[in-house]
């Protein structure tokens, strides 16, 4: 799993028990688990609205470690001709990409 992703990659992490999907910047990935700085996809639109309107602050994007036993899969954040990537959606609504946004914090 770790051969495909490097720190700084934009990924979606699918988790079990409880089921969650987390999107953001991969910080670490090894046999123990994954650390990601990002947003739970269940609250993605709400978070972007808040970030764009300055009602939510950068600190509301969380840095979290998930043990490998919870990780079902990790996918790259890629869009298609019909659907923009999550990064493209973030950039269009907030004005900068998530990595640049987090570096300003």
N, C-alpha and C. Protein backbone atom coordinates (compact mmCIF):
# COMPACT_ATOMS: atom_id res chain seq x y z
N UNK A 1 0.83 -1.19 0.00
CA UNK A 1 0.00 0.00 0.00
C UNK A 1 0.87 1.26 0.00
N UNK A 2 1.92 1.29 0.80
CA UNK A 2 2.69 2.52 0.95
C UNK A 2 3.55 2.84 -0.26
N UNK A 3 3.77 1.88 -1.18
CA UNK A 3 4.60 2.14 -2.34
C UNK A 3 3.97 3.10 -3.32
N UNK A 4 2.65 3.27 -3.28
CA UNK A 4 1.95 4.11 -4.24
C UNK A 4 1.76 5.54 -3.76
N UNK A 5 1.83 5.77 -2.49
CA UNK A 5 1.56 7.08 -1.93
C UNK A 5 2.73 7.57 -1.11
N UNK A 6 2.98 8.84 -1.22
CA UNK A 6 4.07 9.49 -0.49
C UNK A 6 3.49 10.62 0.36
N UNK A 7 4.19 11.05 1.40
CA UNK A 7 3.74 12.22 2.15
C UNK A 7 3.49 13.38 1.19
N UNK A 8 2.38 14.03 1.39
CA UNK A 8 1.99 15.14 0.53
C UNK A 8 0.98 14.75 -0.54
N UNK A 9 0.80 13.43 -0.76
CA UNK A 9 -0.19 12.97 -1.74
C UNK A 9 -1.59 13.34 -1.26
N UNK A 10 -2.46 13.66 -2.21
CA UNK A 10 -3.87 13.90 -1.89
C UNK A 10 -4.62 12.59 -2.06
N UNK A 11 -5.25 12.15 -0.98
CA UNK A 11 -5.86 10.83 -0.97
C UNK A 11 -7.23 10.86 -0.32
N UNK A 12 -7.98 9.77 -0.56
CA UNK A 12 -9.21 9.48 0.17
C UNK A 12 -8.96 8.17 0.89
N UNK A 13 -9.10 8.19 2.21
CA UNK A 13 -8.89 7.00 3.04
C UNK A 13 -10.26 6.47 3.45
N UNK A 14 -10.52 5.22 3.10
CA UNK A 14 -11.76 4.54 3.47
C UNK A 14 -11.49 3.76 4.75
N UNK A 15 -12.31 4.03 5.77
CA UNK A 15 -12.12 3.43 7.09
C UNK A 15 -13.31 2.56 7.47
N UNK A 16 -13.02 1.56 8.29
CA UNK A 16 -14.07 0.68 8.82
C UNK A 16 -14.18 0.88 10.33
N UNK A 17 -15.31 0.49 10.88
CA UNK A 17 -15.57 0.42 12.32
C UNK A 17 -15.23 1.68 13.09
N UNK A 18 -15.91 2.75 12.94
CA UNK A 18 -17.06 3.00 12.08
C UNK A 18 -16.62 3.40 10.67
N UNK A 19 -17.54 3.26 9.73
CA UNK A 19 -17.26 3.61 8.34
C UNK A 19 -17.11 5.13 8.21
N UNK A 20 -16.02 5.51 7.56
CA UNK A 20 -15.75 6.92 7.28
C UNK A 20 -14.94 7.00 6.00
N UNK A 21 -14.99 8.16 5.37
CA UNK A 21 -14.12 8.48 4.26
C UNK A 21 -13.48 9.82 4.60
N UNK A 22 -12.16 9.85 4.61
CA UNK A 22 -11.43 11.06 4.95
C UNK A 22 -10.61 11.48 3.73
N UNK A 23 -10.73 12.74 3.34
CA UNK A 23 -9.96 13.28 2.22
C UNK A 23 -8.96 14.30 2.74
N UNK A 24 -7.77 14.27 2.16
CA UNK A 24 -6.81 15.30 2.53
C UNK A 24 -5.39 14.94 2.13
N UNK A 25 -4.46 15.55 2.85
CA UNK A 25 -3.04 15.40 2.58
C UNK A 25 -2.48 14.26 3.43
N UNK A 26 -1.90 13.28 2.77
CA UNK A 26 -1.27 12.17 3.48
C UNK A 26 -0.01 12.67 4.17
N UNK A 27 0.12 12.38 5.43
CA UNK A 27 1.33 12.77 6.18
C UNK A 27 2.24 11.57 6.39
N UNK A 28 1.68 10.43 6.83
CA UNK A 28 2.48 9.21 6.99
C UNK A 28 1.62 8.00 6.63
N UNK A 29 2.30 6.95 6.19
CA UNK A 29 1.64 5.68 5.90
C UNK A 29 2.68 4.60 6.11
N UNK A 30 2.38 3.70 7.05
CA UNK A 30 3.29 2.58 7.30
C UNK A 30 2.47 1.41 7.85
N UNK A 31 3.13 0.39 8.31
CA UNK A 31 2.46 -0.81 8.81
C UNK A 31 1.59 -0.56 10.03
N UNK A 32 1.82 0.54 10.73
CA UNK A 32 1.02 0.86 11.90
C UNK A 32 -0.26 1.60 11.59
N UNK A 33 -0.25 2.36 10.50
CA UNK A 33 -1.44 3.10 10.15
C UNK A 33 -1.17 4.26 9.22
N UNK A 34 -2.13 5.15 9.16
CA UNK A 34 -2.07 6.29 8.25
C UNK A 34 -2.39 7.57 9.03
N UNK A 35 -1.61 8.60 8.75
CA UNK A 35 -1.89 9.92 9.30
C UNK A 35 -2.27 10.83 8.15
N UNK A 36 -3.39 11.49 8.29
CA UNK A 36 -3.89 12.36 7.23
C UNK A 36 -4.36 13.67 7.85
N UNK A 37 -4.12 14.76 7.13
CA UNK A 37 -4.61 16.07 7.55
C UNK A 37 -5.72 16.43 6.57
N UNK A 38 -6.95 16.37 7.06
CA UNK A 38 -8.03 16.56 6.11
C UNK A 38 -9.40 16.69 6.71
N UNK A 39 -10.37 16.32 5.89
CA UNK A 39 -11.78 16.56 6.17
C UNK A 39 -12.56 15.25 5.99
N UNK A 40 -13.45 14.98 6.93
CA UNK A 40 -14.37 13.85 6.78
C UNK A 40 -15.31 14.20 5.62
N UNK A 41 -15.43 13.30 4.64
CA UNK A 41 -16.24 13.60 3.47
C UNK A 41 -17.71 13.82 3.80
N UNK A 42 -18.16 13.32 4.91
CA UNK A 42 -19.55 13.53 5.31
C UNK A 42 -19.81 15.02 5.55
N UNK A 43 -18.79 15.76 5.95
CA UNK A 43 -18.96 17.19 6.21
C UNK A 43 -18.19 18.06 5.22
N UNK A 44 -17.79 17.50 4.08
CA UNK A 44 -16.96 18.20 3.09
C UNK A 44 -17.60 19.51 2.62
N UNK A 45 -18.84 19.45 2.14
CA UNK A 45 -19.50 20.66 1.62
C UNK A 45 -19.67 21.72 2.70
N UNK A 46 -20.09 21.30 3.88
CA UNK A 46 -20.27 22.23 4.99
C UNK A 46 -18.94 22.89 5.37
N UNK A 47 -17.89 22.11 5.40
CA UNK A 47 -16.57 22.63 5.74
C UNK A 47 -16.11 23.64 4.69
N UNK A 48 -16.28 23.32 3.41
CA UNK A 48 -15.87 24.24 2.36
C UNK A 48 -16.66 25.54 2.40
N UNK A 49 -17.94 25.46 2.68
CA UNK A 49 -18.74 26.69 2.82
C UNK A 49 -18.18 27.55 3.95
N UNK A 50 -17.87 26.91 5.06
CA UNK A 50 -17.33 27.64 6.21
C UNK A 50 -15.96 28.22 5.95
N UNK A 51 -15.10 27.47 5.28
CA UNK A 51 -13.76 27.98 4.96
C UNK A 51 -13.84 29.15 3.99
N UNK A 52 -14.70 29.04 2.99
CA UNK A 52 -14.83 30.10 2.00
C UNK A 52 -15.40 31.37 2.61
N UNK A 53 -16.29 31.23 3.59
CA UNK A 53 -16.90 32.40 4.22
C UNK A 53 -16.14 32.85 5.47
N UNK A 54 -15.06 32.16 5.78
CA UNK A 54 -14.21 32.47 6.95
C UNK A 54 -14.91 32.17 8.27
N UNK A 55 -16.02 31.41 8.23
CA UNK A 55 -16.71 31.02 9.46
C UNK A 55 -16.02 29.84 10.13
N UNK A 56 -15.30 29.06 9.34
CA UNK A 56 -14.53 27.94 9.87
C UNK A 56 -13.07 28.28 9.67
N UNK A 57 -12.27 28.01 10.64
CA UNK A 57 -10.86 28.35 10.59
C UNK A 57 -10.02 27.14 10.20
N UNK A 58 -8.81 27.36 9.69
CA UNK A 58 -7.96 26.25 9.26
C UNK A 58 -7.79 25.16 10.31
N UNK A 59 -7.85 25.52 11.58
CA UNK A 59 -7.71 24.53 12.64
C UNK A 59 -8.83 23.51 12.66
N UNK A 60 -9.91 23.79 11.91
CA UNK A 60 -11.03 22.85 11.85
C UNK A 60 -10.73 21.67 10.91
N UNK A 61 -9.66 21.76 10.15
CA UNK A 61 -9.20 20.62 9.36
C UNK A 61 -8.30 19.82 10.29
N UNK A 62 -8.62 18.55 10.49
CA UNK A 62 -7.93 17.80 11.53
C UNK A 62 -6.78 16.96 11.00
N UNK A 63 -5.79 16.81 11.85
CA UNK A 63 -4.68 15.89 11.64
C UNK A 63 -4.98 14.69 12.51
N UNK A 64 -5.12 13.52 11.88
CA UNK A 64 -5.53 12.35 12.64
C UNK A 64 -4.77 11.11 12.17
N UNK A 65 -4.52 10.22 13.13
CA UNK A 65 -3.90 8.92 12.86
C UNK A 65 -4.98 7.87 12.93
N UNK A 66 -4.98 6.95 11.95
CA UNK A 66 -5.91 5.83 11.94
C UNK A 66 -5.10 4.55 11.89
N UNK A 67 -5.33 3.62 12.81
CA UNK A 67 -4.59 2.36 12.79
C UNK A 67 -4.89 1.56 11.52
N UNK A 68 -3.92 0.85 11.05
CA UNK A 68 -4.03 0.13 9.78
C UNK A 68 -5.20 -0.86 9.80
N UNK A 69 -5.58 -1.36 10.97
CA UNK A 69 -6.71 -2.29 11.06
C UNK A 69 -8.03 -1.63 10.63
N UNK A 70 -8.11 -0.32 10.71
CA UNK A 70 -9.33 0.40 10.29
C UNK A 70 -9.31 0.75 8.82
N UNK A 71 -8.16 0.72 8.18
CA UNK A 71 -8.03 1.18 6.79
C UNK A 71 -8.49 0.08 5.83
N UNK A 72 -9.54 0.37 5.06
CA UNK A 72 -10.02 -0.56 4.05
C UNK A 72 -9.28 -0.36 2.74
N UNK A 73 -9.13 0.91 2.34
CA UNK A 73 -8.39 1.21 1.12
C UNK A 73 -8.03 2.69 1.11
N UNK A 74 -7.07 2.99 0.27
CA UNK A 74 -6.63 4.37 0.06
C UNK A 74 -6.62 4.60 -1.44
N UNK A 75 -7.29 5.67 -1.86
CA UNK A 75 -7.35 6.01 -3.27
C UNK A 75 -6.78 7.39 -3.50
N UNK A 76 -6.18 7.59 -4.67
CA UNK A 76 -5.70 8.91 -5.06
C UNK A 76 -6.90 9.80 -5.35
N UNK A 77 -6.77 11.07 -5.06
CA UNK A 77 -7.82 12.05 -5.37
C UNK A 77 -7.67 12.44 -6.83
N UNK A 78 -8.50 11.84 -7.66
CA UNK A 78 -8.47 12.12 -9.09
C UNK A 78 -9.87 12.42 -9.58
N UNK A 79 -9.97 13.41 -10.43
CA UNK A 79 -11.25 13.73 -11.04
C UNK A 79 -11.39 13.01 -12.37
N UNK A 80 -12.46 13.31 -13.04
CA UNK A 80 -12.70 12.78 -14.38
C UNK A 80 -13.19 13.93 -15.25
N UNK A 81 -13.51 13.64 -16.49
CA UNK A 81 -14.05 14.68 -17.37
C UNK A 81 -15.38 15.22 -16.84
N UNK A 82 -16.13 14.36 -16.16
CA UNK A 82 -17.46 14.74 -15.68
C UNK A 82 -17.48 15.25 -14.24
N UNK A 83 -16.54 14.78 -13.42
CA UNK A 83 -16.56 15.11 -11.99
C UNK A 83 -15.18 15.63 -11.58
N UNK A 84 -15.13 16.84 -11.02
CA UNK A 84 -13.83 17.36 -10.58
C UNK A 84 -13.33 16.61 -9.35
N UNK A 85 -12.02 16.58 -9.19
CA UNK A 85 -11.44 15.97 -8.00
C UNK A 85 -11.85 16.79 -6.78
N UNK A 86 -11.67 16.21 -5.61
CA UNK A 86 -11.97 16.93 -4.38
C UNK A 86 -11.04 18.13 -4.25
N UNK A 87 -9.79 17.99 -4.66
CA UNK A 87 -8.85 19.11 -4.64
C UNK A 87 -9.33 20.24 -5.55
N UNK A 88 -9.83 19.90 -6.73
CA UNK A 88 -10.36 20.93 -7.63
C UNK A 88 -11.57 21.63 -7.02
N UNK A 89 -12.42 20.87 -6.34
CA UNK A 89 -13.57 21.47 -5.67
C UNK A 89 -13.13 22.38 -4.54
N UNK A 90 -12.16 21.92 -3.75
CA UNK A 90 -11.63 22.71 -2.64
C UNK A 90 -11.05 24.03 -3.17
N UNK A 91 -10.21 23.94 -4.20
CA UNK A 91 -9.55 25.12 -4.76
C UNK A 91 -10.56 26.11 -5.32
N UNK A 92 -11.57 25.61 -6.03
CA UNK A 92 -12.54 26.53 -6.63
C UNK A 92 -13.36 27.26 -5.57
N UNK A 93 -13.59 26.64 -4.43
CA UNK A 93 -14.43 27.26 -3.41
C UNK A 93 -13.64 28.05 -2.37
N UNK A 94 -12.42 27.62 -2.08
CA UNK A 94 -11.62 28.28 -1.04
C UNK A 94 -10.61 29.26 -1.64
N UNK A 95 -10.21 29.02 -2.88
CA UNK A 95 -9.29 29.94 -3.56
C UNK A 95 -7.87 29.44 -3.67
N UNK A 96 -7.51 28.44 -2.89
CA UNK A 96 -6.18 27.81 -2.97
C UNK A 96 -6.35 26.33 -2.71
N UNK A 97 -5.34 25.53 -3.09
CA UNK A 97 -5.36 24.11 -2.80
C UNK A 97 -5.19 23.84 -1.31
N UNK A 98 -5.52 22.65 -0.88
CA UNK A 98 -5.47 22.34 0.54
C UNK A 98 -4.04 22.40 1.09
N UNK A 99 -3.04 21.94 0.32
CA UNK A 99 -1.66 21.97 0.82
C UNK A 99 -1.21 23.41 1.08
N UNK A 100 -1.50 24.30 0.15
CA UNK A 100 -1.14 25.71 0.35
C UNK A 100 -1.95 26.31 1.50
N UNK A 101 -3.21 25.97 1.57
CA UNK A 101 -4.08 26.45 2.63
C UNK A 101 -3.49 26.05 4.00
N UNK A 102 -3.11 24.79 4.13
CA UNK A 102 -2.57 24.31 5.41
C UNK A 102 -1.22 24.92 5.72
N UNK A 103 -0.43 25.22 4.70
CA UNK A 103 0.90 25.81 4.95
C UNK A 103 0.78 27.23 5.50
N UNK A 104 -0.35 27.88 5.31
CA UNK A 104 -0.58 29.24 5.81
C UNK A 104 -1.00 29.25 7.27
N UNK A 105 -1.36 28.09 7.78
CA UNK A 105 -1.85 28.01 9.17
C UNK A 105 -0.73 28.16 10.18
